[in-house]
Protein backbone atom coordinates (compact mmCIF):
# COMPACT_ATOMS: atom_id res chain seq x y z
CA MET A 1 33.88 149.88 159.20
CA GLY A 2 33.13 147.92 162.33
CA LEU A 3 34.70 144.64 163.30
CA ALA A 4 34.90 142.62 166.47
CA ILE A 5 38.59 142.39 167.36
CA SER A 6 40.40 140.92 170.29
CA SER A 7 43.64 140.64 172.13
CA LYS A 8 44.27 138.78 175.37
CA ARG A 9 42.97 139.73 178.80
CA PHE A 10 44.62 142.71 180.52
CA LYS A 11 44.61 144.66 183.75
CA MET A 12 45.47 148.34 184.22
CA ASP A 13 47.12 150.01 187.16
CA GLU A 14 46.22 153.54 188.27
CA SER A 15 48.55 155.03 185.65
CA GLY A 16 46.66 153.20 182.92
CA GLU A 17 49.60 150.96 181.98
CA VAL A 18 48.60 147.67 180.39
CA LYS A 19 49.74 144.76 182.54
CA ASN A 20 48.10 141.86 180.63
CA LYS A 21 46.43 141.29 177.26
CA PHE A 22 42.69 141.63 176.74
CA TYR A 23 39.67 141.04 174.50
CA ILE A 24 38.12 144.11 172.97
CA SER A 25 35.57 145.02 170.29
CA TYR A 26 35.78 148.20 168.31
CA TYR A 27 34.08 149.76 165.30
CA TYR A 28 35.15 152.41 162.88
CA LYS A 29 34.44 153.78 159.43
CA ALA A 30 36.25 152.59 156.32
CA LYS A 31 37.10 154.15 152.99
CA THR A 32 35.53 152.84 149.80
CA ILE A 33 38.05 151.06 147.58
CA LYS A 34 37.56 150.82 143.84
CA MET A 35 39.14 147.74 142.19
CA LYS A 36 40.44 147.73 138.64
CA ARG A 37 39.19 144.85 136.54
CA TYR A 38 41.15 145.32 133.32
CA ALA A 39 43.20 142.17 133.78
CA THR A 40 40.08 140.07 134.34
CA LEU A 41 38.42 141.45 131.23
CA LEU A 42 41.54 140.58 129.25
CA PHE A 43 41.33 136.98 130.50
CA LEU A 44 37.71 136.77 129.34
CA ILE A 45 38.09 138.30 125.88
CA LEU A 46 41.32 136.57 124.80
CA PRO A 47 39.52 133.38 123.67
CA PHE A 48 37.00 135.37 121.63
CA LEU A 49 39.75 137.40 119.98
CA SER A 50 41.45 134.18 119.02
CA ILE A 51 38.28 132.66 117.60
CA SER A 52 37.48 135.77 115.57
CA GLN A 53 40.93 135.63 114.00
CA SER A 54 40.84 131.91 113.22
CA LYS A 55 39.77 132.43 109.61
CA ASN A 56 43.25 133.77 108.93
CA ASN A 57 45.14 131.65 111.39
CA PHE A 58 48.46 130.97 109.66
CA GLN A 59 50.53 128.62 111.81
CA PRO A 60 53.98 127.06 111.26
CA GLY A 61 53.86 124.00 109.04
CA TRP A 62 55.21 122.32 105.92
CA VAL A 63 54.09 120.77 102.66
CA VAL A 64 55.73 118.05 100.56
CA THR A 65 55.40 118.47 96.79
CA LEU A 66 54.87 115.69 94.29
CA GLN A 67 58.63 115.87 93.61
CA GLN A 68 59.19 115.17 97.34
CA ASP A 69 60.53 118.66 98.03
CA THR A 70 59.68 119.98 101.51
CA LEU A 71 58.49 123.60 101.75
CA GLU A 72 58.50 125.11 105.21
CA GLY A 73 56.30 128.09 105.99
CA PHE A 74 52.84 128.84 107.34
CA ILE A 75 49.51 127.09 106.69
CA ASN A 76 46.07 128.54 107.39
CA ASP A 77 44.93 126.32 110.25
CA GLN A 78 41.21 126.23 110.94
CA LYS A 79 38.83 124.10 112.93
CA ARG A 80 37.58 121.85 110.14
CA GLU A 81 34.31 119.96 110.20
CA ARG A 82 35.27 118.32 106.90
CA THR A 83 38.60 117.06 105.64
CA PRO A 84 40.11 119.84 103.48
CA THR A 85 40.45 119.58 99.72
CA THR A 86 42.78 122.59 99.48
CA ILE A 87 45.18 124.39 101.82
CA TYR A 88 46.53 127.95 101.91
CA PHE A 89 50.28 128.31 102.31
CA LYS A 90 52.73 131.18 102.84
CA GLU A 91 56.51 130.94 102.86
CA LYS A 92 56.52 133.89 105.27
CA LYS A 93 53.68 135.47 107.17
CA ASP A 94 53.79 138.60 105.02
CA SER A 95 54.30 136.82 101.71
CA GLU A 96 51.72 135.97 99.05
CA THR A 97 49.27 133.15 99.75
CA LYS A 98 49.56 130.02 97.60
CA THR A 99 46.76 127.49 97.17
CA PHE A 100 47.58 123.77 97.04
CA SER A 101 45.05 121.11 96.13
CA ILE A 102 45.17 117.33 96.38
CA SER A 103 46.79 117.10 92.95
CA ASP A 104 49.55 119.57 93.86
CA ILE A 105 51.14 118.06 96.97
CA SER A 106 51.66 114.64 98.54
CA SER A 107 51.32 115.70 102.20
CA PHE A 108 51.16 118.60 104.63
CA LYS A 109 51.29 119.23 108.37
CA VAL A 110 50.43 122.14 110.66
CA LYS A 111 52.11 122.54 114.05
CA PHE A 112 50.18 120.66 116.77
CA ARG A 113 48.11 118.87 114.10
CA ASN A 114 48.30 115.48 112.42
CA ILE A 115 49.88 114.81 109.03
CA TYR A 116 47.59 114.77 105.98
CA ARG A 117 48.59 112.63 103.00
CA SER A 118 47.20 112.55 99.47
CA LYS A 119 45.84 109.06 98.69
CA SER A 120 43.62 107.34 96.15
CA VAL A 121 40.94 105.36 97.98
CA GLU A 122 37.73 103.42 97.43
CA MET A 123 35.10 105.60 99.12
CA ASP A 124 31.82 104.12 100.35
CA LEU A 125 29.04 106.44 99.12
CA LEU A 126 26.05 105.14 101.10
CA PRO A 127 24.78 107.66 103.68
CA ARG A 128 24.76 106.98 107.40
CA THR A 129 22.46 109.73 108.69
CA GLU A 130 19.06 108.55 109.86
CA GLY A 131 16.99 110.67 107.47
CA SER A 132 18.93 109.48 104.41
CA LEU A 133 19.09 105.73 105.06
CA GLY A 134 17.98 103.30 102.38
CA LYS A 135 17.53 99.55 102.27
CA LYS A 136 20.83 98.68 100.55
CA LYS A 137 23.01 96.33 102.57
CA GLU A 138 26.12 96.47 100.38
CA SER A 139 28.57 99.33 100.00
CA GLN A 140 28.72 101.40 96.83
CA PHE A 141 32.28 102.48 96.06
CA GLU A 142 33.81 105.29 94.07
CA ASN A 143 37.53 105.85 93.55
CA ARG A 144 38.62 109.26 94.82
CA LYS A 145 41.87 111.07 95.48
CA VAL A 146 41.64 112.81 98.85
CA PHE A 147 43.67 114.07 101.79
CA LEU A 148 43.69 111.47 104.55
CA GLU A 149 44.56 112.37 108.12
CA LEU A 150 47.09 110.02 109.73
CA LEU A 151 45.73 109.08 113.15
CA ALA A 152 48.11 106.29 114.16
CA ASN A 153 51.43 105.29 112.64
CA GLY A 154 53.25 101.98 112.81
CA GLU A 155 52.86 98.52 111.31
CA LEU A 156 49.25 99.30 110.39
CA PRO A 157 48.80 103.07 109.81
CA LEU A 158 45.27 104.33 110.48
CA TYR A 159 43.80 107.11 108.31
CA TYR A 160 40.68 109.20 108.64
CA TYR A 161 38.44 111.15 106.28
CA ARG A 162 35.24 113.15 106.82
CA ASP A 163 33.31 113.93 103.66
CA GLN A 164 31.11 116.86 102.72
CA ASN A 165 28.10 115.21 104.41
CA LEU A 166 30.13 114.85 107.64
CA LYS A 167 30.24 111.08 107.22
CA GLU A 168 33.30 109.50 108.83
CA HIS A 169 35.56 107.05 107.00
CA PHE A 170 38.48 105.03 108.38
CA PHE A 171 41.20 103.38 106.33
CA ILE A 172 44.06 100.99 107.08
CA ASP A 173 47.32 100.98 105.13
CA ASP A 174 47.94 97.24 104.69
CA ASN A 175 51.41 97.02 103.12
CA GLY A 176 50.75 99.97 100.81
CA ARG A 177 47.15 99.00 100.02
CA ILE A 178 44.58 101.46 101.43
CA VAL A 179 41.73 99.36 102.83
CA PRO A 180 38.43 101.05 103.84
CA LEU A 181 36.98 99.89 107.15
CA LEU A 182 33.30 99.43 106.41
CA TYR A 183 30.35 100.36 108.57
CA LEU A 184 26.81 100.48 107.13
CA LYS A 185 23.45 101.59 108.41
CA TYR A 186 20.25 100.65 106.59
CA LYS A 187 16.54 100.11 107.10
CA ASN A 188 14.95 96.66 107.04
CA LYS A 189 11.53 95.81 105.70
CA LEU A 190 9.91 97.16 108.89
CA ASN A 191 11.82 100.45 108.47
CA ARG A 192 13.91 99.70 111.54
CA ILE A 193 17.51 100.87 111.49
CA LYS A 194 20.08 98.09 111.34
CA GLU A 195 23.88 98.14 111.48
CA LYS A 196 26.40 96.13 109.51
CA LYS A 197 29.74 96.30 111.30
CA THR A 198 32.00 94.80 108.67
CA PHE A 199 34.95 96.66 110.19
CA ILE A 200 34.92 94.25 113.18
CA SER A 201 35.64 91.21 111.01
CA GLN A 202 38.18 93.24 109.01
CA LEU A 203 40.05 94.16 112.19
CA GLU A 204 39.95 90.54 113.38
CA THR A 205 41.77 89.54 110.20
CA LEU A 206 44.25 92.42 110.25
CA LEU A 207 45.07 92.19 113.97
CA GLU A 208 45.14 88.43 114.51
CA ASP A 209 48.92 88.42 115.09
CA CYS A 210 48.63 90.21 118.44
CA GLU A 211 46.82 88.15 121.07
CA GLU A 212 47.21 90.88 123.69
CA VAL A 213 44.74 93.19 121.91
CA TYR A 214 42.71 90.69 119.86
CA SER A 215 40.11 90.34 122.63
CA MET A 216 39.48 94.12 122.50
CA ILE A 217 38.23 94.09 118.91
CA SER A 218 34.61 93.21 119.70
CA ASP A 219 34.32 96.40 121.79
CA VAL A 220 35.66 98.76 119.12
CA GLU A 221 33.34 101.57 118.06
CA TYR A 222 33.37 103.41 114.75
CA ASN A 223 34.81 106.70 116.05
CA ARG A 224 38.21 108.36 116.23
CA LYS A 225 38.97 107.68 119.87
CA SER A 226 38.11 104.00 119.79
CA MET A 227 39.87 103.37 116.48
CA ILE A 228 43.05 105.17 117.53
CA ARG A 229 43.23 103.22 120.78
CA MET A 230 42.74 99.94 118.94
CA ILE A 231 45.30 100.46 116.17
CA ARG A 232 47.88 102.07 118.41
CA SER A 233 47.56 99.15 120.83
CA PHE A 234 48.13 96.71 117.97
CA ASN A 235 51.16 98.61 116.67
CA VAL A 236 52.93 98.13 120.00
CA CYS A 237 51.12 94.82 120.66
CA GLU A 238 49.87 95.89 124.07
CA PRO A 239 46.88 97.89 125.35
CA ASN A 240 47.51 101.62 124.92
CA GLU A 241 45.15 104.17 126.47
CA GLU A 242 47.08 107.38 125.72
CA ILE A 243 45.29 109.48 123.09
CA LEU A 244 46.72 112.76 121.87
CA PHE A 245 44.40 115.71 122.43
CA ASP A 246 44.54 116.92 118.82
CA GLU A 247 43.83 113.42 117.47
CA ILE A 248 40.23 113.63 118.65
CA ASP A 249 37.51 115.90 117.34
CA TYR A 250 36.82 118.41 120.08
CA ASP A 251 34.61 121.42 120.58
CA TRP A 252 36.28 124.83 120.94
CA PHE A 253 33.96 125.38 123.92
CA LYS A 254 33.36 122.96 126.79
CA PHE A 255 30.74 123.19 129.51
CA GLY A 256 31.13 121.41 132.83
CA VAL A 257 29.76 121.14 136.35
CA ASN A 258 31.89 121.48 139.52
CA VAL A 259 31.49 120.19 143.04
CA GLY A 260 33.92 120.16 145.93
CA THR A 261 35.03 121.16 149.39
CA THR A 262 36.43 124.54 150.42
CA ILE A 263 38.53 125.43 153.46
CA THR A 264 38.34 129.17 154.13
CA HIS A 265 40.49 131.21 156.50
CA LEU A 266 39.70 134.89 157.03
CA THR A 267 42.39 137.10 158.52
CA PHE A 268 41.87 140.54 160.10
CA ASN A 269 44.65 142.87 161.11
CA GLY A 270 43.92 146.00 163.16
CA HIS A 271 46.62 148.41 164.17
CA ASN A 272 44.95 151.42 165.77
CA SER A 273 44.97 149.91 169.24
CA SER A 274 48.12 148.66 170.97
CA ASN A 275 48.52 144.90 171.50
CA THR A 276 45.29 144.08 169.71
CA GLU A 277 44.43 141.40 167.23
CA ILE A 278 41.23 140.41 165.50
CA LEU A 279 38.90 137.78 166.93
CA ASN A 280 40.23 134.37 166.00
CA PHE A 281 37.88 132.94 163.36
CA LYS A 282 39.18 129.44 162.76
CA PRO A 283 39.22 128.00 159.21
CA ALA A 284 35.76 126.95 158.03
CA ILE A 285 35.00 123.90 155.91
CA ASN A 286 32.13 124.40 153.46
CA TYR A 287 30.97 123.14 150.09
CA GLY A 288 31.42 124.76 146.70
CA ILE A 289 29.30 124.07 143.62
CA GLY A 290 29.23 125.67 140.20
CA ILE A 291 29.74 125.49 136.48
CA SER A 292 32.70 125.93 134.16
CA PHE A 293 33.02 127.21 130.62
CA ASP A 294 36.37 126.52 129.01
CA PHE A 295 37.74 127.65 125.66
CA PHE A 296 40.09 125.66 123.42
CA THR A 297 41.13 128.03 120.65
CA PRO A 298 42.89 127.20 117.37
CA ASN A 299 45.45 129.97 117.77
CA TYR A 300 47.11 128.34 120.74
CA ASP A 301 48.93 125.21 121.79
CA PRO A 302 46.21 122.57 122.50
CA ARG A 303 47.75 122.10 125.93
CA ILE A 304 46.51 125.60 126.83
CA THR A 305 42.94 126.17 127.98
CA PHE A 306 41.20 129.42 128.88
CA ARG A 307 39.30 128.19 131.89
CA ASN A 308 36.48 129.91 133.81
CA ASP A 309 35.00 128.43 136.98
CA LEU A 310 31.89 130.08 138.42
CA ILE A 311 31.52 128.84 141.99
CA TYR A 312 28.85 129.40 144.64
CA LYS A 313 30.49 129.24 148.07
CA PRO A 314 28.92 129.92 151.50
CA TYR A 315 30.85 130.76 154.67
CA GLN A 316 29.77 130.41 158.29
CA ARG A 317 31.94 130.65 161.39
CA LYS A 318 31.67 131.84 165.03
CA ALA A 319 34.14 133.43 167.44
CA SER A 320 33.89 134.96 170.90
CA GLY A 321 35.90 137.28 173.12
CA GLU A 322 35.86 139.01 176.49
CA LEU A 323 36.98 142.40 177.89
CA ILE A 324 37.50 143.08 181.60
CA ILE A 325 38.70 146.41 183.02
CA GLU A 326 38.74 146.05 186.80
CA LYS A 327 39.67 149.69 187.44
CA ASP A 328 36.38 150.95 185.97
CA GLU A 329 34.36 147.86 186.86
CA TRP A 330 33.62 147.33 183.15
CA TRP A 331 33.01 143.93 181.64
CA GLU A 332 32.07 143.04 178.06
CA ASN A 333 31.42 139.73 176.27
CA LEU A 334 31.25 139.25 172.48
CA ASP A 335 29.69 136.45 170.43
CA SER A 336 30.32 137.08 166.76
CA LYS A 337 29.04 135.09 163.78
CA LEU A 338 30.17 135.62 160.19
CA HIS A 339 27.60 134.19 157.78
CA PHE A 340 27.65 135.14 154.10
CA SER A 341 27.80 133.63 150.63
CA HIS A 342 29.71 134.56 147.47
CA LEU A 343 29.65 133.87 143.76
CA ARG A 344 33.30 133.60 142.72
CA LEU A 345 34.49 133.76 139.11
CA GLN A 346 37.94 132.26 138.62
CA SER A 347 39.36 133.22 135.20
CA MET A 348 42.46 131.13 134.64
CA ILE A 349 44.92 129.78 132.11
CA GLN A 350 45.35 126.02 132.32
CA TYR A 351 48.47 124.32 130.96
CA LYS A 352 48.66 120.56 130.49
CA LEU A 353 52.05 118.87 130.65
CA LYS A 354 51.16 116.47 127.82
CA LYS A 355 49.15 116.77 124.60
CA THR A 356 46.83 114.01 125.74
CA TYR A 357 43.33 113.86 127.16
CA ASN A 358 44.76 112.30 130.31
CA SER A 359 47.34 114.67 131.73
CA THR A 360 48.55 116.58 134.77
CA PHE A 361 48.02 120.34 134.51
CA PHE A 362 48.68 123.64 136.29
CA VAL A 363 46.35 126.65 136.51
CA ALA A 364 46.78 130.30 137.47
CA GLY A 365 44.59 133.35 137.14
CA LEU A 366 42.41 136.06 138.66
CA VAL A 367 39.33 135.96 140.87
CA ASN A 368 36.34 138.29 140.98
CA SER A 369 33.98 137.57 143.86
CA PHE A 370 30.52 139.02 144.45
CA ALA A 371 28.67 138.65 147.76
CA LEU A 372 25.12 137.34 147.43
CA SER A 373 24.10 137.56 151.09
CA ASN A 374 25.39 138.76 154.46
CA LYS A 375 23.72 137.60 157.68
CA SER A 376 26.67 138.26 159.97
CA ASN A 377 25.99 139.44 163.51
CA THR A 378 27.78 140.20 166.81
CA HIS A 379 25.91 139.91 170.12
CA VAL A 380 27.46 142.20 172.77
CA VAL A 381 26.75 141.84 176.49
CA SER A 382 28.20 144.72 178.58
CA GLN A 383 28.20 145.53 182.29
CA PHE A 384 29.37 148.80 183.84
CA TYR A 385 29.23 148.52 187.62
CA SER A 386 25.72 147.18 188.16
CA THR A 387 24.26 148.23 184.80
CA LYS A 388 24.03 145.43 182.26
CA THR A 389 23.13 145.93 178.57
CA GLU A 390 22.80 143.69 175.50
CA GLU A 391 22.77 144.63 171.84
CA ASP A 392 23.27 143.15 168.36
CA VAL A 393 25.67 144.96 166.07
CA PRO A 394 27.13 144.14 162.66
CA PRO A 395 30.66 142.74 163.00
CA ILE A 396 31.58 144.64 159.84
CA LEU A 397 29.83 147.99 159.52
CA ASP A 398 30.89 148.53 155.90
CA PHE A 399 30.82 145.04 154.39
CA GLN A 400 32.58 144.80 151.01
CA TRP A 401 30.31 143.18 148.41
CA TYR A 402 33.10 142.87 145.84
CA GLU A 403 36.42 141.09 146.34
CA PHE A 404 39.41 140.65 144.05
CA GLY A 405 42.15 138.03 144.25
CA PHE A 406 44.50 135.52 142.67
CA VAL A 407 44.27 131.75 142.32
CA GLY A 408 46.67 128.96 141.37
CA GLY A 409 46.83 125.20 141.56
CA PHE A 410 47.30 121.87 139.86
CA GLY A 411 45.26 118.82 138.93
CA TYR A 412 44.69 115.88 136.64
CA ILE A 413 42.30 115.53 133.70
CA HIS A 414 40.99 112.14 132.58
CA ASN A 415 38.71 112.34 129.55
CA ARG A 416 35.59 114.12 130.86
CA TYR A 417 36.74 114.23 134.49
CA VAL A 418 38.91 116.90 136.11
CA PHE A 419 40.29 116.72 139.65
CA ASP A 420 42.16 119.72 141.02
CA VAL A 421 43.55 121.50 144.05
CA LYS A 422 43.49 125.31 143.99
CA TYR A 423 44.56 127.98 146.45
CA GLU A 424 43.01 131.45 146.36
CA VAL A 425 44.07 134.67 148.07
CA GLY A 426 41.66 137.63 148.09
CA ASN A 427 41.72 141.14 149.49
CA GLY A 428 39.09 140.35 152.09
CA ILE A 429 35.54 141.26 153.04
CA GLY A 430 36.35 144.73 154.38
CA ARG A 431 39.05 147.38 154.44
CA GLY A 432 39.36 150.73 156.15
CA GLU A 433 41.50 152.90 158.38
CA GLY A 434 43.27 150.72 160.89
CA LEU A 435 41.95 147.48 159.40
CA LYS A 436 43.24 145.06 156.79
CA THR A 437 41.48 141.84 155.81
CA SER A 438 42.33 138.95 153.52
CA THR A 439 40.70 135.72 152.36
CA HIS A 440 42.55 132.42 151.97
CA ILE A 441 40.65 129.52 150.37
CA LEU A 442 41.77 125.98 149.58
CA TYR A 443 39.61 124.23 146.95
CA LEU A 444 39.43 120.44 146.57
CA SER A 445 37.11 119.90 143.62
CA ALA A 446 36.00 117.64 140.79
CA LYS A 447 34.58 118.65 137.42
CA TYR A 448 32.68 116.75 134.76
CA TYR A 449 32.53 117.97 131.15
CA LEU A 450 29.09 117.60 129.59
CA ASN A 451 30.62 117.71 126.10
CA LEU A 452 33.96 116.32 124.90
C-alpha cells in the first residue's frame, strides 16, 4: 500500500541523528483483509423472519368473557386490513388454541394494541369506493354485532370499524348510545362524485361544550388520525396533537428519501518510520443523499424499527508536505489529493422513546461501505543536487473498495419527517504493514417518508 505521510521538518548531523522533524512520503505493500458480514446479514433478515412468522404471532393479551371474567394469555396478533370477527387465544404458548367470536366475549386486547369491544351498532351499508357508487343520498342501515376498536377514551369514546370491503366506519359512544358518524359519497345526475359530510354537523352538536376545539371541527377529515386528534382534544378540552403510533393504520414497510451534510475525518497512522505521522487531511464537509427502507414488524414493540439508510457520499480533500535533507542535498515536495465516492449502507435498529408518531429516538447499527470511484492522486516534485524530477503517484497503492464500521445517533421523528444526527466509525480506506487507517463521519440529515 502506498500513502503520503508526513512528520515535521528535520536535519541530520553526520552520524545520521535526527535533530528536527520532517515531511516524508513513503509507499509500501499491504495485506488483503477479508471482512465478515454475518452481523450485517442478520440485521437485514430479521424483519423478514418476523414477517414470515406473523401468521402465528401469539402475543401477550387478555379477553373478557360475557360473564366479565378476565382470561390472561396469548392472542394471535396479525396486521389486519379488516376488523376481526374472531380471535385465537392460548392460555400458554404451548397450550391448545381456542377460538372466540363476537358472541363469546365482550372485549379483548393484545399488548401494544388498542382494546376491541363487542358492540351492537347501526352500520351504514352504502359503498364508498368510486367504482361502486350509486345515486342514493341517504344512508342504508343494518344492525350488526361487531368488534369495535377503541381509538380514544374519555367523555366521548371514539370507536372504529373496517368492514370486509375495507370501508371505514367511526362511532361515538354518547352516554352508552353508539352513534355512527356518517360520511357518504354518491354520484349526481351528471355522474360527478359528491360528498355528504354529515359527520361534521354531528361533531358540532356533540362537541359544542368545548369552545377551545369547536373551531377545529370544520377541518376534520374522515380518517383515523384526524378523528383521534379531534375527539382526544375534546376529551381534555384543549388541542391535542399526540397520536399513538399503533392507533394509526401503518404499512409494515416505509420508503423514504434522505438528504444532509457530512463531515468526514480520515486518520492514518504509520509506525515503520520513527517520528512520522500521516499527512494532515483536515475534516471535509460534503453532501450525502440517499434512500431509506424501514421495517415495522408485528412481532416487535412498535417503538422499534429496523432501519436501513443507503447513502451516496463523496469525499474530496487536499494536503501537502515537504522533505529536506541538507546532508544529501535532497528536497521533495508533495501535493496529495484524496477524491473518491462511496455508497454506504447503514443497517440499524431505531428505538423511539414514546409510542407516538412524534418522538425522540436513538439508533445504532452496522455499516457496509462500497467505493464507487477513486480519483486520488499525489504530485511529487523531487530535487537531488541539481536534478529535478516530477511524477504523479497514487497516494494509496492498494485502495480498499470495501469498508466496514459502526454507527450510532439520535433524532426526532414528526409524522413523515425525520431529523437525526449520526456518528460513524469505519476501518478506513486502506490497511497494510505499518499503516492503520480509520474513517470518522458525522451525519446531519433529514428524511421524508413517501408513505405513512
